[in-house]
Amino acid sequence: MELKKDVTNDSNKCDNLKTVNVKKGKFDLTFDINKISDKERFNLESNSEEISNVEEPKCDTNDNVTSTKTSTNTTKKVKKVKSVMQGLNVILFAGAFVCIVGGMILLERPTVSESENRNLAKFPTFSVDALLDGSYAEDITTWFDDTVPFRDVFKDISAKFRSILGIDYGGMIVVNVSGNGVANEDNSVTDVTTASSITTNVTTSVTIGISEPIETTVVTTTEVSETTSTSDDLIEMEENLEDDNGGLGELSNNIMIYQKRAIPIYYGNFDAGTEYAEYVNRYKSDLGDDVNVYSMVCPTSMSFYWPENSDVSHGSEEDNIANINEHLKGVTPIDLIPILSEHTDEHIYSRTDHHWQPLGAYYSAEEFCKVADVPFANLSTYTKHTIENYVGTLYGYSGSIIIKDNPEDFVYYEPSNEYSTEYFDIDNTPQGEGELLVEATGSSAYLAFMGGDEKITHVTTDVKNGRNLVIIKDSYGNALVPFLTSSFENIYVIDMRYFELNAIDYIKDVNTTDLLFAMNTFSATGSNYKQLEIIRTQ
């Protein structure tokens, strides 16, 4: 029997299926004719004993129609599911949008940032003038942006993602940097650099909680031959550098992150420092010889922990302080850099905060008392208090997860002698007695000293030497006060940024014998020092 292959082009699979039974010895074999080759078919014809039963299998003629209907139904179901899913997506997106917008409007907005240790922007007071000049709308925008609900939580999440994804914080990356930062006589800092690649396109405002906001202008370019930076025109960079332990440091938002320490970068301004000295001299002139006047410009951690192998532009705190001291007239300078340099292996500055540690303030207060010729209590007479897991302001400003993940201890000291503390509003309205050292936790640890800045403080001690001290200060001065309770009979503390009285009148009214100006370099050569003249003349 000859086997013929079916070459029918019928689309129905049943019509194309042909089978043949072949008997070979003890075996009965069945083949699909359409699936065997011509050679195999020839061999079957030549060698088989019997070929029979060439037949078409029974096939339901409705199978193809049923299959088509099933396919159509399946397609309709898929389309329906897709339509439902798209609807759900729209509902979920709209719901999330409503929740976010509603949350921004209805949820309670924070008033203080613990990670940045500062008060957040306040809702502006309406006035017609502010509305007309546009400042009212701008202030509302600032308030809205600065007081986002759960802002510190979102900041932590953002820092984690930046760390995981390797996203640089800041607008500029400088590759293959070489050069030296030099403080010039014109108060600028020149950095001669070469760069194979610089990428940026952003202009922003950076505040590091020490002085006024710094406008940071970032320039897009591919080569840098020379850049000049001042305190008003800073170039924001990020640089990797190798520290002494082989780890990496980075520069972020004008803060150097190095060996798990955040270091605010100081640029300096000789003209501002000279003006600060002139303002202080005027106090001496107004008060006369009956009042001893001292200037304590406190260096920051940059003077002691800046990486030696870094070429990043920065100013010299030592040179700027020396410039100030050269212009003082009748005012006694308290030079702290030589004193603190002897204790850099101790915990004199916070790693995570722009303030010094109380131990640094202790050594500084000791030097002041030597110069002022008053007694001074040894640290061993104080009660030591430790706040663990402290992460200060510089995490909030740098966003560096390195700082977040490496907290430190904040250690402060309670005097053992007898004293009492009375507080007043900034207009000198009495608020009653309180504690000189208040309970503080976490990122607010530095508030342990008098609870903050916006007040006038009067400390009456058991010292009977007739010496009455007035301290005009920024927040650096807060940490000095507990170490002076054994040195002066009365201590009056005012913050130059929050004082509504005439400073000269106040100093005279409290029978001051000694006046100490205590502030960090950012205040003395930034903008805060201008408040000295405002409160002197208001």
Protein backbone atom coordinates (compact mmCIF):
# COMPACT_ATOMS: atom_id res chain seq x y z
CA MET A 1 0.00 0.00 0.00
CA GLU A 2 1.32 3.37 -0.98
CA LEU A 3 1.32 6.06 1.70
CA LYS A 4 0.43 9.53 0.51
CA LYS A 5 1.16 12.59 2.58
CA ASP A 6 -1.78 14.91 3.01
CA VAL A 7 -0.89 18.38 1.79
CA THR A 8 -4.30 19.85 2.40
CA ASN A 9 -4.17 23.54 3.43
CA ASP A 10 -7.40 23.32 5.39
CA SER A 11 -7.12 25.47 8.49
CA ASN A 12 -9.05 22.93 10.55
CA LYS A 13 -6.46 20.82 12.38
CA CYS A 14 -8.80 17.79 12.44
CA ASP A 15 -8.93 17.69 8.61
CA ASN A 16 -5.15 17.59 8.37
CA LEU A 17 -4.69 14.64 10.75
CA LYS A 18 -4.19 11.26 8.90
CA THR A 19 -2.99 8.05 10.60
CA VAL A 20 -1.77 4.62 9.36
CA ASN A 21 -1.36 1.30 11.19
CA VAL A 22 1.77 -0.67 10.34
CA LYS A 23 2.40 -4.32 11.41
CA LYS A 24 6.06 -5.20 11.90
CA GLY A 25 6.72 -8.57 13.48
CA LYS A 26 5.05 -8.63 16.87
CA PHE A 27 4.47 -4.88 16.89
CA ASP A 28 1.59 -2.78 15.65
CA LEU A 29 2.69 0.77 14.97
CA THR A 30 0.57 3.88 14.32
CA PHE A 31 1.97 6.92 12.50
CA ASP A 32 0.72 10.36 11.57
CA ILE A 33 1.39 10.41 7.85
CA ASN A 34 1.74 14.17 7.78
CA LYS A 35 4.58 14.02 10.30
CA ILE A 36 6.88 11.47 8.64
CA SER A 37 9.41 12.21 5.93
CA ASP A 38 9.35 10.78 2.42
CA LYS A 39 12.32 8.53 3.26
CA GLU A 40 10.61 7.18 6.37
CA ARG A 41 7.45 6.54 4.37
CA PHE A 42 9.46 4.61 1.72
CA ASN A 43 11.07 2.46 4.41
CA LEU A 44 7.67 1.65 5.87
CA GLU A 45 6.36 0.61 2.48
CA SER A 46 9.40 -1.57 1.78
CA ASN A 47 9.83 -3.34 5.10
CA SER A 48 6.44 -3.58 6.74
CA GLU A 49 4.48 -6.81 6.57
CA GLU A 50 1.13 -5.09 6.58
CA ILE A 51 -0.08 -1.60 6.19
CA SER A 52 -3.69 -0.98 6.97
CA ASN A 53 -6.27 1.29 8.49
CA VAL A 54 -5.40 4.56 6.84
CA GLU A 55 -8.11 6.65 8.41
CA GLU A 56 -9.11 10.03 9.60
CA PRO A 57 -9.84 10.30 13.31
CA LYS A 58 -13.23 11.41 14.40
CA CYS A 59 -13.28 15.09 14.99
CA ASP A 60 -15.97 17.35 16.35
CA THR A 61 -16.66 19.91 13.65
CA ASN A 62 -17.64 22.40 16.30
CA ASP A 63 -14.24 22.28 18.02
CA ASN A 64 -12.83 25.15 16.00
CA VAL A 65 -15.87 27.31 16.61
CA THR A 66 -15.80 26.50 20.33
CA SER A 67 -12.10 27.32 20.47
CA THR A 68 -12.72 30.64 18.75
CA LYS A 69 -15.53 31.48 21.15
CA THR A 70 -13.35 30.56 24.15
CA SER A 71 -10.53 32.77 22.85
CA THR A 72 -12.93 35.67 22.34
CA ASN A 73 -14.34 35.30 25.87
CA THR A 74 -10.83 35.18 27.34
CA THR A 75 -9.90 38.37 25.50
CA LYS A 76 -12.98 40.12 26.84
CA LYS A 77 -12.14 39.01 30.38
CA VAL A 78 -8.57 40.27 30.04
CA LYS A 79 -9.79 43.63 28.78
CA LYS A 80 -12.26 43.84 31.66
CA VAL A 81 -9.54 43.07 34.21
CA LYS A 82 -7.28 45.69 32.65
CA SER A 83 -10.08 48.23 32.77
CA VAL A 84 -10.73 47.47 36.44
CA MET A 85 -7.02 47.72 37.27
CA GLN A 86 -6.72 51.05 35.48
CA GLY A 87 -9.70 52.31 37.43
CA LEU A 88 -8.14 51.14 40.68
CA ASN A 89 -4.87 52.86 39.77
CA VAL A 90 -6.69 56.11 39.15
CA ILE A 91 -8.55 55.81 42.44
CA LEU A 92 -5.38 54.96 44.38
CA PHE A 93 -3.44 57.82 42.81
CA ALA A 94 -6.27 60.28 43.41
CA GLY A 95 -6.63 59.02 46.98
CA ALA A 96 -2.92 59.38 47.65
CA PHE A 97 -2.95 62.88 46.15
CA VAL A 98 -5.92 63.90 48.29
CA CYS A 99 -4.28 62.43 51.41
CA ILE A 100 -0.99 64.23 50.76
CA VAL A 101 -2.64 67.57 50.01
CA GLY A 102 -5.05 67.13 52.88
CA GLY A 103 -2.20 66.20 55.20
CA MET A 104 -0.24 69.27 54.20
CA ILE A 105 -3.27 71.42 55.00
CA LEU A 106 -4.80 69.68 58.01
CA LEU A 107 -1.94 67.98 59.89
CA GLU A 108 -0.21 69.90 62.64
CA ARG A 109 2.91 71.60 61.37
CA PRO A 110 6.13 71.42 63.38
CA THR A 111 7.52 74.57 64.95
CA VAL A 112 10.97 73.22 65.84
CA SER A 113 13.40 70.99 63.95
CA GLU A 114 15.16 68.70 66.41
CA SER A 115 17.69 67.50 63.84
CA GLU A 116 18.66 71.10 63.01
CA ASN A 117 18.12 72.39 66.55
CA ARG A 118 16.30 75.52 65.40
CA ASN A 119 12.91 77.16 65.33
CA LEU A 120 11.15 76.75 62.00
CA ALA A 121 9.64 79.60 60.02
CA LYS A 122 6.53 81.19 61.51
CA PHE A 123 3.36 82.09 59.62
CA PRO A 124 3.74 85.77 58.69
CA THR A 125 1.64 88.54 60.18
CA PHE A 126 -0.53 90.19 57.58
CA SER A 127 0.01 93.80 56.62
CA VAL A 128 -0.99 95.78 53.58
CA ASP A 129 2.59 96.85 52.93
CA ALA A 130 3.82 93.23 53.03
CA LEU A 131 1.03 92.20 50.68
CA LEU A 132 1.83 94.93 48.19
CA ASP A 133 5.58 94.41 48.11
CA GLY A 134 5.20 90.65 47.77
CA SER A 135 7.00 89.75 51.00
CA TYR A 136 3.81 88.39 52.58
CA ALA A 137 3.39 85.77 49.83
CA GLU A 138 7.11 84.94 49.99
CA ASP A 139 6.95 84.47 53.76
CA ILE A 140 3.94 82.17 53.42
CA THR A 141 5.87 80.09 50.89
CA THR A 142 8.85 79.94 53.24
CA TRP A 143 6.59 78.90 56.13
CA PHE A 144 4.86 76.24 54.01
CA ASP A 145 8.15 74.74 52.79
CA ASP A 146 9.88 74.91 56.18
CA THR A 147 7.10 73.32 58.24
CA VAL A 148 6.17 70.26 56.22
CA PRO A 149 4.56 67.68 58.57
CA PHE A 150 7.02 64.94 59.57
CA ARG A 151 9.87 66.93 57.96
CA ASP A 152 12.54 65.31 60.15
CA VAL A 153 11.21 61.83 59.31
CA PHE A 154 11.31 62.59 55.59
CA LYS A 155 14.80 64.03 56.03
CA ASP A 156 16.00 60.79 57.62
CA ILE A 157 14.43 58.71 54.84
CA SER A 158 16.02 60.94 52.20
CA ALA A 159 19.42 60.61 53.85
CA LYS A 160 19.08 56.81 53.87
CA PHE A 161 18.20 56.73 50.17
CA ARG A 162 21.08 59.05 49.28
CA SER A 163 23.41 56.72 51.13
CA ILE A 164 22.03 53.56 49.51
CA LEU A 165 21.89 54.95 45.99
CA GLY A 166 25.14 56.87 46.22
CA ILE A 167 23.46 60.17 45.42
CA ASP A 168 25.63 63.19 46.15
CA TYR A 169 24.07 65.82 48.42
CA GLY A 170 24.68 69.19 46.85
CA GLY A 171 24.87 70.57 43.35
CA MET A 172 28.50 70.18 42.35
CA ILE A 173 31.01 67.37 41.94
CA VAL A 174 34.64 68.27 41.36
CA VAL A 175 36.95 65.59 40.02
CA ASN A 176 40.77 65.70 40.19
CA VAL A 177 40.99 68.84 42.30
CA SER A 178 44.35 70.32 43.21
CA GLY A 179 45.20 73.67 44.75
CA ASN A 180 45.40 75.60 47.98
CA GLY A 181 42.89 77.82 49.75
CA VAL A 182 44.55 81.10 50.70
CA ALA A 183 43.03 83.87 52.82
CA ASN A 184 43.79 87.13 51.07
CA GLU A 185 44.01 90.68 52.38
CA ASP A 186 40.82 91.53 50.51
CA ASN A 187 39.00 88.96 52.66
CA SER A 188 38.49 86.50 49.84
CA VAL A 189 39.72 82.95 49.56
CA THR A 190 41.49 82.00 46.34
CA ASP A 191 41.64 78.38 45.26
CA VAL A 192 43.69 77.59 42.16
CA THR A 193 42.23 74.41 40.80
CA THR A 194 42.08 72.19 37.76
CA ALA A 195 39.13 69.95 37.10
CA SER A 196 38.53 67.37 34.43
CA SER A 197 34.80 67.32 35.09
CA ILE A 198 32.39 69.61 36.88
CA THR A 199 28.66 69.00 36.76
CA THR A 200 26.01 71.32 38.14
CA ASN A 201 23.17 73.62 37.27
CA VAL A 202 21.79 74.86 40.56
CA THR A 203 21.82 78.03 42.62
CA THR A 204 20.71 77.64 46.22
CA SER A 205 20.79 79.18 49.67
CA VAL A 206 22.60 77.29 52.41
CA THR A 207 22.22 77.99 56.12
CA ILE A 208 24.36 76.12 58.60
CA GLY A 209 22.79 77.53 61.72
CA ILE A 210 25.78 79.65 62.71
CA SER A 211 25.38 82.89 60.86
CA GLU A 212 23.20 84.33 58.12
CA PRO A 213 22.16 82.22 55.13
CA ILE A 214 24.90 82.01 52.54
CA GLU A 215 23.94 82.42 48.90
CA THR A 216 25.70 79.62 47.08
CA THR A 217 26.06 80.09 43.34
CA VAL A 218 27.08 77.01 41.41
CA VAL A 219 28.54 77.47 37.94
CA THR A 220 28.43 74.92 35.15
CA THR A 221 31.78 74.46 33.41
CA THR A 222 34.27 71.82 32.31
CA GLU A 223 37.50 73.56 33.29
CA VAL A 224 38.38 75.63 36.29
CA SER A 225 41.55 77.71 36.25
CA GLU A 226 40.84 79.94 39.25
CA THR A 227 37.96 80.48 41.66
CA THR A 228 37.62 83.19 44.27
CA SER A 229 35.29 82.67 47.23
CA THR A 230 34.07 85.09 49.85
CA SER A 231 31.57 84.71 52.65
CA ASP A 232 28.93 86.12 50.27
CA ASP A 233 29.94 84.19 47.16
CA LEU A 234 30.78 80.59 47.96
CA ILE A 235 31.28 77.70 45.62
CA GLU A 236 29.60 74.55 46.83
CA MET A 237 31.61 71.44 46.20
CA GLU A 238 31.82 67.81 47.13
CA GLU A 239 35.18 66.13 47.21
CA ASN A 240 36.39 62.68 48.16
CA LEU A 241 39.65 62.54 50.03
CA GLU A 242 41.49 59.87 51.94
CA ASP A 243 41.68 60.29 55.70
CA ASP A 244 44.38 58.96 58.00
CA ASN A 245 42.59 55.65 58.39
CA GLY A 246 42.12 55.09 54.68
CA GLY A 247 38.46 56.10 54.78
CA LEU A 248 36.81 58.72 52.64
CA GLY A 249 35.83 62.27 53.52
CA GLU A 250 33.35 64.40 51.63
CA LEU A 251 32.44 68.04 51.40
CA SER A 252 28.72 68.74 51.55
CA ASN A 253 26.83 72.05 51.68
CA ASN A 254 29.94 73.88 52.93
CA ILE A 255 30.40 71.24 55.59
CA MET A 256 33.33 68.86 55.48
CA ILE A 257 32.53 65.29 56.53
CA TYR A 258 35.80 63.77 57.68
CA GLN A 259 36.54 60.84 60.00
CA LYS A 260 32.88 60.73 61.10
CA ARG A 261 33.07 64.43 62.01
CA ALA A 262 31.13 67.29 60.41
CA ILE A 263 33.20 70.47 60.11
CA PRO A 264 31.57 73.77 59.06
CA ILE A 265 33.86 75.49 56.56
CA TYR A 266 34.94 78.97 57.61
CA TYR A 267 35.93 81.55 54.99
CA GLY A 268 36.42 84.68 57.07
CA ASN A 269 36.19 88.37 56.35
CA PHE A 270 38.86 90.80 57.57
CA ASP A 271 36.67 93.86 56.96
CA ALA A 272 33.84 92.38 59.04
CA GLY A 273 36.29 91.44 61.78
CA THR A 274 37.69 94.97 61.84
CA GLU A 275 34.17 96.36 62.14
CA TYR A 276 33.40 93.93 64.97
CA ALA A 277 36.45 95.24 66.83
CA GLU A 278 35.31 98.82 66.28
CA TYR A 279 31.85 98.04 67.72
CA VAL A 280 33.41 96.43 70.80
CA ASN A 281 35.73 99.43 71.20
CA ARG A 282 32.68 101.70 71.36
CA TYR A 283 31.37 99.79 74.37
CA LYS A 284 34.67 100.37 76.12
CA SER A 285 34.52 104.04 75.23
CA ASP A 286 30.96 104.38 76.54
CA LEU A 287 31.63 102.48 79.78
CA GLY A 288 35.00 103.96 80.64
CA ASP A 289 37.72 102.60 82.87
CA ASP A 290 35.34 101.32 85.54
CA VAL A 291 34.38 98.33 83.38
CA ASN A 292 36.84 95.71 82.13
CA VAL A 293 35.93 94.70 78.57
CA TYR A 294 37.05 91.41 77.02
CA SER A 295 36.68 89.93 73.55
CA MET A 296 36.50 86.13 73.26
CA VAL A 297 36.14 85.12 69.62
CA CYS A 298 35.73 81.36 69.80
CA PRO A 299 37.27 79.21 67.07
CA THR A 300 35.24 76.32 65.69
CA SER A 301 36.29 72.72 65.15
CA MET A 302 37.77 73.62 61.76
CA SER A 303 40.83 75.14 63.42
CA PHE A 304 41.70 71.82 65.06
CA TYR A 305 40.30 68.95 62.96
CA TRP A 306 40.57 70.07 59.34
CA PRO A 307 42.19 67.31 57.21
CA GLU A 308 45.75 68.32 56.38
CA ASN A 309 45.67 66.75 52.92
CA SER A 310 42.60 68.67 51.76
CA ASP A 311 42.95 71.39 49.12
CA VAL A 312 39.40 72.65 49.59
CA SER A 313 39.21 76.43 49.84
CA HIS A 314 38.77 77.83 53.33
CA GLY A 315 39.84 80.76 55.44
CA SER A 316 41.99 80.85 58.56
CA GLU A 317 40.20 81.40 61.85
CA GLU A 318 43.53 82.09 63.51
CA ASP A 319 44.35 84.88 61.03
CA ASN A 320 40.88 86.40 61.30
CA ILE A 321 40.97 86.36 65.11
CA ALA A 322 44.44 87.92 65.04
CA ASN A 323 43.11 90.65 62.74
CA ILE A 324 40.30 91.38 65.22
CA ASN A 325 42.66 91.49 68.20
CA GLU A 326 44.98 93.91 66.37
CA HIS A 327 42.13 96.42 66.07
CA LEU A 328 40.93 96.27 69.69
CA LYS A 329 41.50 99.43 71.74
CA GLY A 330 41.26 99.19 75.51
CA VAL A 331 39.63 95.78 75.13
CA THR A 332 41.45 92.65 76.34
CA PRO A 333 41.46 89.72 73.89
CA ILE A 334 41.04 86.15 75.14
CA ASP A 335 43.01 84.04 72.66
CA LEU A 336 41.70 80.49 72.73
CA ILE A 337 43.45 78.72 69.86
CA PRO A 338 46.74 78.16 71.77
CA ILE A 339 44.78 76.91 74.79
CA LEU A 340 42.44 74.54 72.96
CA SER A 341 45.24 73.23 70.75
CA GLU A 342 46.63 71.49 73.82
CA HIS A 343 43.44 69.45 74.25
CA THR A 344 42.54 68.28 70.74
CA ASP A 345 42.73 64.64 71.82
CA GLU A 346 39.90 65.34 74.27
CA HIS A 347 36.21 65.80 73.50
CA ILE A 348 36.32 69.60 73.23
CA TYR A 349 34.15 69.92 70.09
CA SER A 350 31.09 68.00 68.99
CA ARG A 351 31.46 65.81 65.91
CA THR A 352 27.81 66.17 64.95
CA ASP A 353 27.07 69.75 65.99
CA HIS A 354 28.49 73.20 65.17
CA HIS A 355 28.91 73.99 68.88
CA TRP A 356 31.81 73.09 71.06
CA GLN A 357 31.44 70.50 73.79
CA PRO A 358 31.20 71.81 77.36
CA LEU A 359 34.75 70.58 77.97
CA GLY A 360 36.00 73.02 75.34
CA ALA A 361 34.03 75.78 77.06
CA TYR A 362 35.60 74.76 80.39
CA TYR A 363 39.16 75.30 79.15
CA SER A 364 38.08 78.59 77.56
CA ALA A 365 36.41 79.81 80.76
CA GLU A 366 39.54 78.87 82.68
CA GLU A 367 41.68 81.05 80.41
CA PHE A 368 39.23 83.94 80.72
CA CYS A 369 39.29 83.76 84.53
CA LYS A 370 43.09 83.78 84.54
CA VAL A 371 43.10 86.96 82.44
CA ALA A 372 40.30 88.52 84.55
CA ASP A 373 42.12 87.55 87.75
CA VAL A 374 39.18 85.83 89.45
CA PRO A 375 39.01 82.40 91.15
CA PHE A 376 38.14 79.33 89.10
CA ALA A 377 36.81 75.94 90.23
CA ASN A 378 38.53 72.76 89.11
CA LEU A 379 36.53 70.40 86.91
CA SER A 380 36.75 67.72 89.60
CA THR A 381 34.33 69.75 91.76
CA TYR A 382 31.56 69.49 89.15
CA THR A 383 28.94 66.78 88.74
CA LYS A 384 29.22 65.14 85.33
CA HIS A 385 26.09 64.46 83.25
CA THR A 386 26.05 62.50 80.00
CA ILE A 387 23.44 62.55 77.25
CA GLU A 388 23.99 59.52 75.03
CA ASN A 389 23.29 59.06 71.30
CA TYR A 390 23.58 62.77 70.60
CA VAL A 391 23.28 63.86 66.96
CA GLY A 392 23.46 67.63 66.63
CA THR A 393 22.68 70.30 64.07
CA LEU A 394 25.18 69.29 61.41
CA TYR A 395 23.27 66.17 60.45
CA GLY A 396 20.26 68.34 59.69
CA TYR A 397 22.28 70.73 57.56
CA SER A 398 24.54 68.27 55.76
CA GLY A 399 22.08 65.40 55.37
CA SER A 400 25.04 63.04 55.77
CA ILE A 401 24.02 59.57 56.89
CA ILE A 402 27.58 59.16 58.20
CA ILE A 403 26.79 61.73 60.89
CA LYS A 404 23.35 60.25 61.55
CA ASP A 405 24.76 56.77 62.07
CA ASN A 406 27.61 57.87 64.35
CA PRO A 407 26.10 59.62 67.38
CA GLU A 408 28.23 60.83 70.26
CA ASP A 409 27.96 61.62 73.94
CA PHE A 410 27.13 65.14 75.05
CA VAL A 411 28.77 65.69 78.44
CA TYR A 412 27.99 68.71 80.58
CA TYR A 413 28.97 69.66 84.12
CA GLU A 414 26.91 70.95 87.05
CA PRO A 415 28.57 73.40 89.48
CA SER A 416 28.79 72.38 93.14
CA ASN A 417 28.63 75.85 94.71
CA GLU A 418 25.45 77.64 95.73
CA TYR A 419 23.71 79.81 93.14
CA SER A 420 20.24 80.79 91.93
CA THR A 421 18.98 81.59 88.45
CA GLU A 422 16.33 84.09 87.43
CA TYR A 423 14.98 84.55 83.91
CA PHE A 424 13.57 87.58 82.10
CA ASP A 425 11.99 88.16 78.70
CA ILE A 426 14.10 90.02 76.17
CA ASP A 427 12.38 93.25 77.24
CA ASN A 428 13.48 92.49 80.83
CA THR A 429 10.04 91.42 82.07
CA PRO A 430 10.61 89.01 85.00
CA GLN A 431 9.70 85.37 84.38
CA GLY A 432 10.71 83.97 87.75
CA GLU A 433 13.39 81.62 89.00
CA GLY A 434 14.43 78.48 87.19
CA GLU A 435 17.28 76.04 86.69
CA LEU A 436 20.54 77.10 85.11
CA LEU A 437 20.89 73.62 83.64
CA VAL A 438 17.63 72.28 82.27
CA GLU A 439 16.66 68.80 81.16
CA ALA A 440 17.49 68.23 77.51
CA THR A 441 17.61 65.10 75.38
CA GLY A 442 18.64 63.90 71.95
CA SER A 443 19.50 66.51 69.36
CA SER A 444 18.43 69.28 71.76
CA ALA A 445 21.22 68.51 74.24
CA TYR A 446 22.88 71.92 73.84
CA LEU A 447 19.68 73.50 75.17
CA ALA A 448 20.72 72.17 78.59
CA PHE A 449 22.30 75.59 79.14
CA MET A 450 19.49 77.92 80.23
CA GLY A 451 17.10 76.28 77.78
CA GLY A 452 18.16 78.41 74.82
CA ASP A 453 18.95 81.96 73.72
CA GLU A 454 15.80 84.10 73.66
CA LYS A 455 15.92 85.40 77.22
CA ILE A 456 17.92 87.39 79.72
CA THR A 457 19.49 85.36 82.53
CA HIS A 458 20.70 86.51 85.95
CA VAL A 459 22.74 84.09 88.06
CA THR A 460 23.40 85.04 91.69
CA THR A 461 26.24 83.05 93.26
CA ASP A 462 27.73 82.54 96.71
CA VAL A 463 30.92 84.32 95.61
CA LYS A 464 31.39 87.59 97.47
CA ASN A 465 34.07 89.42 95.50
CA GLY A 466 32.07 92.36 94.17
CA ARG A 467 32.66 91.26 90.56
CA ASN A 468 29.58 91.48 88.35
CA LEU A 469 29.91 89.98 84.88
CA VAL A 470 27.74 90.72 81.84
CA ILE A 471 28.13 88.30 78.92
CA ILE A 472 26.99 89.46 75.46
CA LYS A 473 27.05 86.35 73.36
CA ASP A 474 25.77 84.02 70.69
CA SER A 475 25.00 80.38 71.53
CA TYR A 476 28.68 79.55 72.07
CA GLY A 477 28.60 81.71 75.18
CA ASN A 478 25.87 79.59 76.78
CA ALA A 479 28.26 76.77 77.65
CA LEU A 480 30.60 79.16 79.49
CA VAL A 481 28.11 80.19 82.18
CA PRO A 482 28.18 77.08 84.46
CA PHE A 483 31.97 77.36 84.68
CA LEU A 484 31.85 80.95 85.96
CA THR A 485 29.57 80.50 88.99
CA SER A 486 32.62 80.20 91.26
CA SER A 487 34.29 83.27 89.78
CA PHE A 488 31.77 86.15 89.84
CA GLU A 489 29.20 87.33 92.34
CA ASN A 490 26.61 88.06 89.67
CA ILE A 491 26.42 86.90 86.07
CA TYR A 492 24.07 88.52 83.55
CA VAL A 493 23.66 86.81 80.19
CA ILE A 494 22.14 88.49 77.12
CA ASP A 495 22.06 87.32 73.52
CA MET A 496 22.89 90.12 71.08
CA ARG A 497 20.29 88.73 68.67
CA TYR A 498 17.44 88.85 71.21
CA PHE A 499 17.67 91.98 73.33
CA GLU A 500 15.25 94.91 73.23
CA LEU A 501 16.91 97.25 75.74
CA ASN A 502 19.73 99.73 75.34
CA ALA A 503 22.80 97.64 76.14
CA ILE A 504 24.86 100.47 77.68
CA ASP A 505 22.04 101.48 80.01
CA TYR A 506 21.49 97.86 81.06
CA ILE A 507 25.20 97.27 81.71
CA LYS A 508 25.36 100.35 83.91
CA ASP A 509 22.11 99.53 85.73
CA VAL A 510 23.41 96.16 86.97
CA ASN A 511 26.66 97.70 88.24
CA THR A 512 28.84 95.75 85.83
CA THR A 513 32.54 95.40 86.60
CA ASP A 514 33.37 93.06 83.72
CA LEU A 515 31.91 92.77 80.22
CA LEU A 516 32.68 89.71 78.09
CA PHE A 517 31.84 89.43 74.39
CA ALA A 518 31.74 85.70 73.62
CA MET A 519 30.84 84.41 70.17
CA ASN A 520 32.21 82.12 67.48
CA THR A 521 34.09 83.27 64.39
CA PHE A 522 31.04 82.93 62.13
CA SER A 523 29.24 85.54 64.25
CA ALA A 524 32.24 87.84 64.72
CA THR A 525 33.03 88.01 61.00
CA GLY A 526 29.62 87.12 59.54
CA SER A 527 26.55 89.21 60.24
CA ASN A 528 25.56 88.63 63.88
CA TYR A 529 28.19 91.08 65.13
CA LYS A 530 26.14 93.93 63.61
CA GLN A 531 23.64 93.38 66.41
CA LEU A 532 26.25 94.72 68.85
CA GLU A 533 25.88 98.21 67.43
CA ILE A 534 22.10 97.90 67.16
CA ILE A 535 21.60 97.07 70.84
CA ARG A 536 24.19 99.68 71.86
CA THR A 537 22.29 102.48 70.18
CA GLN A 538 18.62 101.39 70.29
